[in-house]
């Protein structure tokens, strides 16, 4: 008899899911070029550091909307987004993020600040929904999990009639975002890594 994989389940996540979401973002994004540049070459360290940082961000961003895909009771993909005028975390959360970054050492903290400044400077001025972070477990990429998350995200964008905005340091993600209506509006090197900035018009 042919083995069937458990169904994929898409749902909204909440504060009770923060630890699991942070863990997925840590391991799912450990091979991102910017993460390699910021955190260093050891994958286990990159995973731990980004998970730690994401735990602070997620727990301190009450306006953030997080969708997740589960399979067999395990979280395997997430997409977070913040509503218009909420791109920057609250001031207290920014201080906590800085404090956590400093525990990684002055070099990593300085690189994180440079990354943040570069992306903040590119943020579009019009009201928009800011997508990210987005991640799928690496061994499950290419199986439609990201598509499920993006269809839910773009449906929300269309329901409220505002543009979407996103950044990526992954060349293969550019085509993925384009398939969901995003267009590249800018490119820049950040810490020596090519980055793309994308906008999706309202529909």
Protein backbone atom coordinates (compact mmCIF):
# COMPACT_ATOMS: atom_id res chain seq x y z
CA UNK A 1 0.00 0.00 0.00
CA UNK A 2 1.31 3.44 -0.92
CA UNK A 3 2.22 5.58 2.07
CA UNK A 4 0.38 8.90 2.23
CA UNK A 5 1.95 11.93 3.87
CA UNK A 6 -0.18 13.74 6.48
CA UNK A 7 -2.29 16.59 5.17
CA UNK A 8 -0.98 20.13 5.25
CA UNK A 9 -2.88 22.35 7.67
CA UNK A 10 -2.79 26.15 7.29
CA UNK A 11 -3.73 28.25 10.30
CA UNK A 12 -3.17 31.56 12.05
CA UNK A 13 -0.58 31.40 14.82
CA UNK A 14 -0.51 33.28 18.12
CA UNK A 15 1.72 33.97 21.11
CA UNK A 16 1.52 30.36 22.26
CA UNK A 17 3.35 29.40 19.06
CA UNK A 18 6.24 31.88 19.36
CA UNK A 19 8.88 29.38 20.48
CA UNK A 20 8.05 26.96 17.66
CA UNK A 21 7.96 29.76 15.06
CA UNK A 22 11.31 31.15 16.24
CA UNK A 23 12.87 27.67 16.07
CA UNK A 24 11.63 27.18 12.50
CA UNK A 25 12.94 30.60 11.44
CA UNK A 26 16.29 29.80 13.01
CA UNK A 27 16.82 26.50 11.22
CA UNK A 28 14.95 27.40 8.03
CA UNK A 29 16.96 30.56 7.36
CA UNK A 30 20.40 29.38 8.50
CA UNK A 31 21.61 29.15 4.89
CA UNK A 32 20.39 32.62 3.85
CA UNK A 33 23.35 34.59 2.46
CA UNK A 34 22.81 37.53 4.82
CA UNK A 35 22.64 35.21 7.81
CA UNK A 36 25.96 33.69 6.82
CA UNK A 37 27.44 37.18 6.50
CA UNK A 38 26.02 38.40 9.82
CA UNK A 39 26.25 35.41 12.13
CA UNK A 40 29.28 33.61 10.75
CA UNK A 41 30.06 30.32 9.07
CA UNK A 42 28.95 27.80 11.69
CA UNK A 43 25.39 26.64 10.86
CA UNK A 44 24.50 25.59 14.40
CA UNK A 45 25.51 29.01 15.70
CA UNK A 46 23.58 30.80 12.97
CA UNK A 47 20.52 28.73 13.85
CA UNK A 48 20.75 29.46 17.57
CA UNK A 49 21.41 33.16 17.17
CA UNK A 50 18.62 33.80 14.70
CA UNK A 51 16.15 31.74 16.73
CA UNK A 52 17.07 33.81 19.78
CA UNK A 53 16.61 37.09 17.92
CA UNK A 54 13.32 36.00 16.35
CA UNK A 55 11.96 34.99 19.75
CA UNK A 56 12.46 38.58 20.93
CA UNK A 57 10.96 40.07 17.75
CA UNK A 58 7.89 37.82 17.66
CA UNK A 59 7.07 38.11 21.35
CA UNK A 60 7.45 41.90 21.21
CA UNK A 61 5.43 42.59 18.04
CA UNK A 62 1.75 42.26 18.99
CA UNK A 63 0.51 43.65 15.66
CA UNK A 64 2.36 41.03 13.62
CA UNK A 65 0.17 38.54 11.76
CA UNK A 66 1.69 35.05 11.51
CA UNK A 67 0.38 32.22 9.36
CA UNK A 68 1.76 28.71 9.64
CA UNK A 69 1.61 25.41 7.80
CA UNK A 70 1.62 22.22 9.86
CA UNK A 71 2.05 18.61 8.82
CA UNK A 72 1.50 15.77 11.22
CA UNK A 73 1.31 18.25 14.08
CA UNK A 74 4.70 19.83 13.28
CA UNK A 75 5.19 23.40 12.07
CA UNK A 76 6.97 23.33 8.70
CA UNK A 77 6.39 26.80 7.23
CA UNK A 78 5.61 30.32 8.45
CA UNK A 79 4.93 33.73 6.97
CA UNK A 80 4.71 36.85 9.12
CA UNK A 81 3.51 40.30 8.10
CA UNK A 82 2.84 43.61 9.81
CA UNK A 83 0.04 46.05 8.93
CA UNK A 84 0.48 49.58 7.57
CA UNK A 85 2.49 51.99 9.75
CA UNK A 86 3.81 49.12 11.91
CA UNK A 87 6.97 48.16 9.99
CA UNK A 88 9.24 49.04 12.90
CA UNK A 89 8.81 47.08 16.13
CA UNK A 90 7.84 49.04 19.26
CA UNK A 91 10.69 50.99 20.87
CA UNK A 92 10.91 48.62 23.82
CA UNK A 93 11.22 45.65 21.46
CA UNK A 94 13.96 47.40 19.48
CA UNK A 95 15.92 47.89 22.70
CA UNK A 96 15.49 44.23 23.59
CA UNK A 97 16.65 43.22 20.09
CA UNK A 98 19.75 45.39 20.45
CA UNK A 99 20.46 43.93 23.87
CA UNK A 100 20.15 40.40 22.50
CA UNK A 101 22.32 41.24 19.47
CA UNK A 102 25.08 42.52 21.75
CA UNK A 103 25.30 39.08 23.37
CA UNK A 104 26.49 37.77 19.99
CA UNK A 105 29.60 39.97 20.20
CA UNK A 106 30.37 43.46 18.86
CA UNK A 107 31.08 42.30 15.32
CA UNK A 108 27.81 40.44 14.84
CA UNK A 109 25.88 43.24 16.56
CA UNK A 110 27.42 45.84 14.23
CA UNK A 111 26.55 43.73 11.19
CA UNK A 112 22.97 43.30 12.40
CA UNK A 113 22.63 47.05 12.82
CA UNK A 114 24.04 47.67 9.34
CA UNK A 115 21.58 45.15 7.89
CA UNK A 116 18.67 46.77 9.71
CA UNK A 117 19.66 50.27 8.60
CA UNK A 118 19.98 49.18 4.97
CA UNK A 119 16.55 47.56 4.88
CA UNK A 120 14.87 50.35 6.85
CA UNK A 121 16.24 52.95 4.40
CA UNK A 122 14.60 51.07 1.50
CA UNK A 123 11.17 50.73 3.10
CA UNK A 124 8.52 52.35 0.90
CA UNK A 125 6.78 55.45 2.25
CA UNK A 126 3.22 54.62 1.20
CA UNK A 127 0.99 52.61 3.55
CA UNK A 128 1.63 48.91 2.97
CA UNK A 129 1.69 45.45 4.50
CA UNK A 130 5.28 44.43 5.14
CA UNK A 131 5.92 40.73 4.56
CA UNK A 132 8.54 38.83 6.53
CA UNK A 133 10.08 36.84 7.94
CA UNK A 134 9.05 33.90 5.74
CA UNK A 135 10.55 30.43 5.95
CA UNK A 136 9.93 26.78 5.11
CA UNK A 137 11.91 23.87 6.55
CA UNK A 138 14.77 23.40 4.11
CA UNK A 139 14.18 19.72 3.41
CA UNK A 140 10.60 20.56 2.39
CA UNK A 141 11.26 23.43 -0.01
CA UNK A 142 9.68 23.15 -3.42
CA UNK A 143 6.61 21.22 -2.23
CA UNK A 144 4.08 24.06 -2.35
CA UNK A 145 4.24 25.04 1.31
CA UNK A 146 5.43 28.57 0.55
CA UNK A 147 2.73 28.86 -2.10
CA UNK A 148 0.03 28.07 0.45
CA UNK A 149 1.37 30.79 2.71
CA UNK A 150 1.66 33.33 -0.10
CA UNK A 151 -1.87 32.66 -1.39
CA UNK A 152 -3.20 33.40 2.07
CA UNK A 153 -1.03 36.52 2.32
CA UNK A 154 -1.98 37.93 -1.08
CA UNK A 155 -5.66 37.17 -0.45
CA UNK A 156 -5.40 39.31 2.68
CA UNK A 157 -3.68 42.09 0.70
CA UNK A 158 -6.43 42.07 -1.89
CA UNK A 159 -9.15 42.11 0.76
CA UNK A 160 -7.82 45.33 2.31
CA UNK A 161 -6.61 46.93 -0.95
CA UNK A 162 -3.10 48.01 0.05
CA UNK A 163 0.32 47.29 -1.49
CA UNK A 164 2.60 44.57 -0.21
CA UNK A 165 6.32 45.02 0.35
CA UNK A 166 9.09 42.50 0.91
CA UNK A 167 12.88 42.09 0.91
CA UNK A 168 14.97 39.06 0.12
CA UNK A 169 18.61 38.03 -0.06
CA UNK A 170 17.79 34.76 -1.82
CA UNK A 171 17.99 34.96 -5.64
CA UNK A 172 15.58 32.04 -6.05
CA UNK A 173 12.98 33.84 -3.92
CA UNK A 174 12.73 36.70 -6.42
CA UNK A 175 10.96 34.53 -9.00
CA UNK A 176 8.75 33.06 -6.27
CA UNK A 177 7.58 36.51 -5.18
CA UNK A 178 7.08 37.57 -8.78
CA UNK A 179 4.71 34.66 -9.33
CA UNK A 180 2.56 36.12 -6.57
CA UNK A 181 2.35 39.61 -8.05
CA UNK A 182 5.45 41.27 -6.59
CA UNK A 183 7.84 43.26 -8.77
CA UNK A 184 11.43 44.23 -8.01
CA UNK A 185 11.64 47.95 -7.30
CA UNK A 186 15.25 48.10 -6.15
CA UNK A 187 18.47 46.19 -5.63
CA UNK A 188 21.42 46.80 -3.31
CA UNK A 189 24.38 45.03 -1.77
CA UNK A 190 24.10 44.68 2.00
CA UNK A 191 27.26 43.47 3.74
CA UNK A 192 28.46 42.33 0.32
CA UNK A 193 25.30 40.28 -0.32
CA UNK A 194 22.89 41.11 -3.21
CA UNK A 195 19.42 42.06 -1.94
CA UNK A 196 16.15 42.66 -3.76
CA UNK A 197 13.28 44.90 -2.68
CA UNK A 198 9.82 44.12 -4.00
CA UNK A 199 6.37 45.71 -4.10
CA UNK A 200 3.00 44.20 -4.95
CA UNK A 201 0.39 46.70 -6.16
CA UNK A 202 -3.08 46.72 -4.60
CA UNK A 203 -5.83 44.84 -6.38
